[in-house]
Amino acid sequence: MIRGIRIASIPVRNQDASLKFYTEVLGFKVVTDQPYTDKQRWIELLIPGAETRLALFTPTGHENRIGGFQPMTFWCDDVSATAKILKSKGVEFAQEPKTEVWGTMGIFKDLDGNQFVLSSR
């Protein structure tokens, strides 16, 4: 039976610039960086302490997904504190952290304008 999500893909325009953002700014670790096609590499990242991996990869024909809201939520212990750290590193927030009855969330952008929810559990 299904046991979890192994890899989620993030569509990007420039793999080198995105790799730098996701590793140096967000602190993710490179698991795999190898040739895939003549135009892209297969770059797989791991969030320290998490099992799910992320691929900085845009399937052919899906370039229109770059720069929009991504159906993926990152969680942290303290959204406001994490947002403050990310902002100090130049990360833009499309929506400032806001506390709701179910928890706190904000929406941040990567270099391509991809937007992700940042939420507390």
N, C-alpha and C. Protein backbone atom coordinates (compact mmCIF):
# COMPACT_ATOMS: atom_id res chain seq x y z
N MET A 1 0.84 -1.19 0.00
CA MET A 1 0.00 0.00 0.00
C MET A 1 0.88 1.25 0.00
N ILE A 2 0.27 2.36 -0.32
CA ILE A 2 1.00 3.63 -0.34
C ILE A 2 1.45 3.98 1.07
N ARG A 3 2.71 4.40 1.17
CA ARG A 3 3.28 4.70 2.47
C ARG A 3 3.68 6.15 2.65
N GLY A 4 3.59 6.95 1.61
CA GLY A 4 3.97 8.36 1.75
C GLY A 4 4.31 8.97 0.42
N ILE A 5 4.79 10.19 0.47
CA ILE A 5 5.23 10.88 -0.74
C ILE A 5 6.76 10.82 -0.75
N ARG A 6 7.31 10.30 -1.80
CA ARG A 6 8.77 10.16 -1.92
C ARG A 6 9.40 11.43 -2.43
N ILE A 7 8.89 11.95 -3.57
CA ILE A 7 9.47 13.13 -4.20
C ILE A 7 8.35 14.04 -4.70
N ALA A 8 8.46 15.31 -4.41
CA ALA A 8 7.57 16.33 -4.97
C ALA A 8 8.43 17.22 -5.85
N SER A 9 7.91 17.59 -7.00
CA SER A 9 8.68 18.37 -7.97
C SER A 9 8.33 19.85 -7.88
N ILE A 10 9.36 20.69 -7.96
CA ILE A 10 9.19 22.14 -8.01
C ILE A 10 9.65 22.60 -9.38
N PRO A 11 8.75 23.19 -10.17
CA PRO A 11 9.13 23.65 -11.51
C PRO A 11 9.98 24.93 -11.42
N VAL A 12 11.12 24.94 -12.10
CA VAL A 12 12.03 26.07 -12.05
C VAL A 12 12.53 26.44 -13.45
N ARG A 13 12.92 27.70 -13.62
CA ARG A 13 13.46 28.17 -14.90
C ARG A 13 14.96 27.89 -15.01
N ASN A 14 15.69 28.19 -13.94
CA ASN A 14 17.14 28.08 -13.95
C ASN A 14 17.56 27.17 -12.80
N GLN A 15 17.97 25.98 -13.12
CA GLN A 15 18.29 25.01 -12.08
C GLN A 15 19.47 25.45 -11.20
N ASP A 16 20.47 26.10 -11.78
CA ASP A 16 21.61 26.54 -10.98
C ASP A 16 21.20 27.59 -9.95
N ALA A 17 20.45 28.60 -10.38
CA ALA A 17 20.01 29.65 -9.47
C ALA A 17 19.07 29.08 -8.41
N SER A 18 18.17 28.19 -8.82
CA SER A 18 17.25 27.59 -7.86
C SER A 18 17.97 26.70 -6.86
N LEU A 19 18.96 25.96 -7.33
CA LEU A 19 19.74 25.11 -6.43
C LEU A 19 20.41 25.97 -5.35
N LYS A 20 20.96 27.09 -5.75
CA LYS A 20 21.60 28.00 -4.79
C LYS A 20 20.58 28.51 -3.78
N PHE A 21 19.39 28.91 -4.25
CA PHE A 21 18.34 29.42 -3.36
C PHE A 21 17.90 28.35 -2.36
N TYR A 22 17.59 27.17 -2.85
CA TYR A 22 17.05 26.13 -1.98
C TYR A 22 18.09 25.58 -1.00
N THR A 23 19.37 25.61 -1.38
CA THR A 23 20.39 25.11 -0.45
C THR A 23 20.93 26.22 0.45
N GLU A 24 21.30 27.35 -0.11
CA GLU A 24 21.91 28.41 0.69
C GLU A 24 20.91 29.23 1.49
N VAL A 25 19.73 29.46 0.96
CA VAL A 25 18.73 30.28 1.65
C VAL A 25 17.82 29.43 2.53
N LEU A 26 17.28 28.35 1.96
CA LEU A 26 16.34 27.52 2.72
C LEU A 26 17.01 26.41 3.51
N GLY A 27 18.26 26.09 3.20
CA GLY A 27 19.01 25.10 3.97
C GLY A 27 18.77 23.65 3.59
N PHE A 28 18.23 23.40 2.41
CA PHE A 28 18.02 22.03 1.97
C PHE A 28 19.36 21.43 1.53
N LYS A 29 19.44 20.10 1.51
CA LYS A 29 20.68 19.40 1.18
C LYS A 29 20.53 18.64 -0.14
N VAL A 30 21.58 18.65 -0.95
CA VAL A 30 21.58 17.94 -2.23
C VAL A 30 21.75 16.44 -1.99
N VAL A 31 20.83 15.65 -2.55
CA VAL A 31 20.92 14.20 -2.50
C VAL A 31 21.46 13.70 -3.83
N THR A 32 20.94 14.26 -4.92
CA THR A 32 21.34 13.86 -6.26
C THR A 32 21.38 15.09 -7.16
N ASP A 33 22.42 15.19 -7.98
CA ASP A 33 22.52 16.22 -9.00
C ASP A 33 23.23 15.56 -10.17
N GLN A 34 22.44 15.11 -11.15
CA GLN A 34 23.02 14.36 -12.26
C GLN A 34 22.32 14.73 -13.57
N PRO A 35 22.96 14.47 -14.69
CA PRO A 35 22.33 14.74 -15.98
C PRO A 35 21.02 13.97 -16.13
N TYR A 36 20.05 14.60 -16.80
CA TYR A 36 18.78 13.94 -17.06
C TYR A 36 18.46 14.01 -18.55
N THR A 37 18.43 15.23 -19.09
CA THR A 37 18.27 15.43 -20.54
C THR A 37 19.35 16.41 -20.97
N ASP A 38 19.35 16.75 -22.25
CA ASP A 38 20.32 17.73 -22.72
C ASP A 38 20.01 19.13 -22.21
N LYS A 39 18.81 19.34 -21.63
CA LYS A 39 18.41 20.66 -21.14
C LYS A 39 18.28 20.74 -19.62
N GLN A 40 18.17 19.60 -18.95
CA GLN A 40 17.96 19.62 -17.50
C GLN A 40 18.78 18.54 -16.80
N ARG A 41 18.99 18.82 -15.50
CA ARG A 41 19.58 17.82 -14.62
C ARG A 41 18.47 17.32 -13.71
N TRP A 42 18.71 16.16 -13.09
CA TRP A 42 17.81 15.67 -12.05
C TRP A 42 18.44 16.10 -10.73
N ILE A 43 17.83 17.10 -10.09
CA ILE A 43 18.34 17.62 -8.82
C ILE A 43 17.33 17.26 -7.74
N GLU A 44 17.78 16.45 -6.81
CA GLU A 44 16.93 16.00 -5.72
C GLU A 44 17.47 16.55 -4.40
N LEU A 45 16.58 17.15 -3.62
CA LEU A 45 16.96 17.78 -2.36
C LEU A 45 16.25 17.13 -1.19
N LEU A 46 16.87 17.23 -0.03
CA LEU A 46 16.31 16.71 1.20
C LEU A 46 16.22 17.85 2.20
N ILE A 47 15.09 17.97 2.86
CA ILE A 47 14.94 18.92 3.94
C ILE A 47 15.49 18.23 5.18
N PRO A 48 16.49 18.79 5.86
CA PRO A 48 17.03 18.12 7.04
C PRO A 48 15.92 17.74 8.03
N GLY A 49 15.92 16.48 8.42
CA GLY A 49 14.93 15.98 9.37
C GLY A 49 13.65 15.47 8.75
N ALA A 50 13.52 15.57 7.43
CA ALA A 50 12.30 15.12 6.74
C ALA A 50 12.63 13.95 5.82
N GLU A 51 11.62 13.16 5.50
CA GLU A 51 11.81 12.03 4.59
C GLU A 51 11.47 12.38 3.15
N THR A 52 10.51 13.28 2.95
CA THR A 52 10.11 13.65 1.60
C THR A 52 11.22 14.44 0.92
N ARG A 53 11.47 14.13 -0.32
CA ARG A 53 12.49 14.83 -1.10
C ARG A 53 11.82 15.75 -2.12
N LEU A 54 12.56 16.74 -2.56
CA LEU A 54 12.08 17.68 -3.57
C LEU A 54 12.98 17.59 -4.78
N ALA A 55 12.39 17.69 -5.97
CA ALA A 55 13.17 17.70 -7.20
C ALA A 55 13.00 19.07 -7.85
N LEU A 56 14.11 19.71 -8.18
CA LEU A 56 14.08 20.96 -8.93
C LEU A 56 14.07 20.56 -10.40
N PHE A 57 12.88 20.35 -10.91
CA PHE A 57 12.73 19.75 -12.24
C PHE A 57 11.40 20.18 -12.84
N THR A 58 11.43 20.54 -14.11
CA THR A 58 10.22 20.94 -14.82
C THR A 58 10.00 19.96 -15.97
N PRO A 59 8.96 19.12 -15.89
CA PRO A 59 8.69 18.21 -16.99
C PRO A 59 8.40 18.98 -18.29
N THR A 60 8.83 18.46 -19.40
CA THR A 60 8.57 19.08 -20.69
C THR A 60 7.06 19.28 -20.86
N GLY A 61 6.69 20.48 -21.27
CA GLY A 61 5.28 20.81 -21.46
C GLY A 61 4.63 21.39 -20.22
N HIS A 62 5.36 21.46 -19.13
CA HIS A 62 4.81 21.98 -17.88
C HIS A 62 5.47 23.30 -17.46
N GLU A 63 6.10 23.96 -18.40
CA GLU A 63 6.78 25.22 -18.10
C GLU A 63 5.81 26.29 -17.61
N ASN A 64 4.53 26.17 -17.98
CA ASN A 64 3.54 27.16 -17.55
C ASN A 64 3.25 27.06 -16.05
N ARG A 65 3.72 26.04 -15.39
CA ARG A 65 3.54 25.89 -13.93
C ARG A 65 4.53 26.76 -13.14
N ILE A 66 5.59 27.20 -13.81
CA ILE A 66 6.62 27.99 -13.13
C ILE A 66 6.05 29.36 -12.78
N GLY A 67 6.24 29.76 -11.53
CA GLY A 67 5.87 31.11 -11.12
C GLY A 67 4.49 31.25 -10.53
N GLY A 68 3.81 30.16 -10.29
CA GLY A 68 2.47 30.23 -9.73
C GLY A 68 2.42 29.63 -8.34
N PHE A 69 1.22 29.56 -7.81
CA PHE A 69 1.01 28.94 -6.52
C PHE A 69 1.24 27.44 -6.66
N GLN A 70 2.06 26.88 -5.82
CA GLN A 70 2.37 25.45 -5.87
C GLN A 70 1.56 24.73 -4.79
N PRO A 71 0.94 23.63 -5.13
CA PRO A 71 0.11 22.90 -4.16
C PRO A 71 0.96 22.08 -3.19
N MET A 72 1.76 22.81 -2.41
CA MET A 72 2.69 22.17 -1.48
C MET A 72 2.80 23.07 -0.25
N THR A 73 2.77 22.48 0.92
CA THR A 73 2.89 23.25 2.16
C THR A 73 4.11 22.78 2.93
N PHE A 74 4.96 23.73 3.30
CA PHE A 74 6.10 23.44 4.15
C PHE A 74 5.68 23.76 5.58
N TRP A 75 6.10 22.93 6.53
CA TRP A 75 5.76 23.22 7.92
C TRP A 75 7.01 23.50 8.74
N CYS A 76 6.79 24.26 9.79
CA CYS A 76 7.86 24.61 10.72
C CYS A 76 7.24 24.76 12.11
N ASP A 77 8.07 24.88 13.12
CA ASP A 77 7.55 25.02 14.48
C ASP A 77 6.99 26.41 14.75
N ASP A 78 7.59 27.44 14.18
CA ASP A 78 7.19 28.82 14.44
C ASP A 78 7.22 29.60 13.13
N VAL A 79 6.07 29.81 12.55
CA VAL A 79 5.98 30.47 11.24
C VAL A 79 6.55 31.89 11.29
N SER A 80 6.19 32.65 12.31
CA SER A 80 6.65 34.04 12.39
C SER A 80 8.17 34.13 12.51
N ALA A 81 8.75 33.28 13.36
CA ALA A 81 10.21 33.29 13.52
C ALA A 81 10.90 32.84 12.23
N THR A 82 10.37 31.81 11.60
CA THR A 82 10.95 31.32 10.35
C THR A 82 10.82 32.38 9.27
N ALA A 83 9.68 33.04 9.19
CA ALA A 83 9.49 34.12 8.20
C ALA A 83 10.50 35.24 8.42
N LYS A 84 10.75 35.58 9.65
CA LYS A 84 11.71 36.65 9.96
C LYS A 84 13.11 36.27 9.46
N ILE A 85 13.51 35.01 9.70
CA ILE A 85 14.81 34.54 9.23
C ILE A 85 14.87 34.55 7.71
N LEU A 86 13.82 34.02 7.07
CA LEU A 86 13.81 33.98 5.60
C LEU A 86 13.83 35.38 5.00
N LYS A 87 13.08 36.30 5.58
CA LYS A 87 13.08 37.68 5.09
C LYS A 87 14.47 38.30 5.20
N SER A 88 15.19 37.98 6.29
CA SER A 88 16.54 38.52 6.45
C SER A 88 17.49 38.00 5.38
N LYS A 89 17.11 36.89 4.73
CA LYS A 89 17.89 36.31 3.64
C LYS A 89 17.36 36.74 2.28
N GLY A 90 16.41 37.67 2.27
CA GLY A 90 15.88 38.20 1.02
C GLY A 90 14.66 37.50 0.46
N VAL A 91 14.08 36.57 1.20
CA VAL A 91 12.90 35.86 0.71
C VAL A 91 11.68 36.78 0.82
N GLU A 92 10.91 36.83 -0.26
CA GLU A 92 9.70 37.66 -0.31
C GLU A 92 8.49 36.85 0.14
N PHE A 93 7.61 37.48 0.89
CA PHE A 93 6.37 36.84 1.31
C PHE A 93 5.21 37.47 0.56
N ALA A 94 4.41 36.63 -0.09
CA ALA A 94 3.21 37.09 -0.78
C ALA A 94 2.10 37.33 0.23
N GLN A 95 2.16 36.61 1.34
CA GLN A 95 1.20 36.80 2.42
C GLN A 95 1.95 36.68 3.74
N GLU A 96 1.86 37.72 4.54
CA GLU A 96 2.54 37.72 5.84
C GLU A 96 1.93 36.63 6.73
N PRO A 97 2.71 36.14 7.67
CA PRO A 97 2.18 35.14 8.60
C PRO A 97 0.93 35.66 9.31
N LYS A 98 -0.04 34.78 9.41
CA LYS A 98 -1.32 35.13 10.01
C LYS A 98 -1.78 33.93 10.84
N THR A 99 -2.26 34.21 12.04
CA THR A 99 -2.74 33.15 12.89
C THR A 99 -4.23 32.93 12.64
N GLU A 100 -4.57 31.67 12.40
CA GLU A 100 -5.94 31.25 12.18
C GLU A 100 -6.33 30.31 13.32
N VAL A 101 -7.56 29.87 13.34
CA VAL A 101 -7.99 28.95 14.41
C VAL A 101 -7.27 27.60 14.32
N TRP A 102 -6.84 27.22 13.14
CA TRP A 102 -6.17 25.93 12.92
C TRP A 102 -4.66 26.02 13.01
N GLY A 103 -4.10 27.22 13.09
CA GLY A 103 -2.65 27.37 13.15
C GLY A 103 -2.22 28.66 12.48
N THR A 104 -0.93 28.80 12.28
CA THR A 104 -0.38 30.00 11.65
C THR A 104 0.16 29.65 10.28
N MET A 105 -0.03 30.55 9.32
CA MET A 105 0.48 30.31 7.98
C MET A 105 0.87 31.62 7.30
N GLY A 106 1.77 31.50 6.36
CA GLY A 106 2.17 32.60 5.49
C GLY A 106 2.48 31.99 4.14
N ILE A 107 2.70 32.83 3.14
CA ILE A 107 3.03 32.33 1.80
C ILE A 107 4.31 33.03 1.33
N PHE A 108 5.33 32.24 1.01
CA PHE A 108 6.59 32.80 0.54
C PHE A 108 6.82 32.44 -0.92
N LYS A 109 7.76 33.18 -1.55
CA LYS A 109 8.08 32.97 -2.96
C LYS A 109 9.53 32.53 -3.11
N ASP A 110 9.77 31.70 -4.12
CA ASP A 110 11.15 31.38 -4.47
C ASP A 110 11.61 32.33 -5.56
N LEU A 111 12.76 32.08 -6.15
CA LEU A 111 13.32 32.97 -7.18
C LEU A 111 12.45 33.10 -8.42
N ASP A 112 11.70 32.05 -8.74
CA ASP A 112 10.85 32.05 -9.93
C ASP A 112 9.45 32.59 -9.67
N GLY A 113 9.18 32.99 -8.43
CA GLY A 113 7.85 33.46 -8.09
C GLY A 113 6.91 32.33 -7.71
N ASN A 114 7.42 31.10 -7.64
CA ASN A 114 6.61 29.99 -7.12
C ASN A 114 6.23 30.34 -5.69
N GLN A 115 4.96 30.13 -5.35
CA GLN A 115 4.49 30.46 -4.01
C GLN A 115 4.17 29.19 -3.24
N PHE A 116 4.62 29.17 -1.97
CA PHE A 116 4.43 28.02 -1.11
C PHE A 116 3.86 28.46 0.23
N VAL A 117 2.97 27.67 0.78
CA VAL A 117 2.46 27.93 2.12
C VAL A 117 3.53 27.47 3.12
N LEU A 118 3.73 28.29 4.14
CA LEU A 118 4.56 27.95 5.28
C LEU A 118 3.62 27.91 6.47
N SER A 119 3.55 26.78 7.13
CA SER A 119 2.53 26.59 8.17
C SER A 119 3.12 25.93 9.40
N SER A 120 2.48 26.20 10.53
CA SER A 120 2.79 25.44 11.74
C SER A 120 1.88 24.24 11.77
N ARG A 121 2.28 23.24 12.47
CA ARG A 121 1.44 22.03 12.54
C ARG A 121 0.20 22.30 13.32
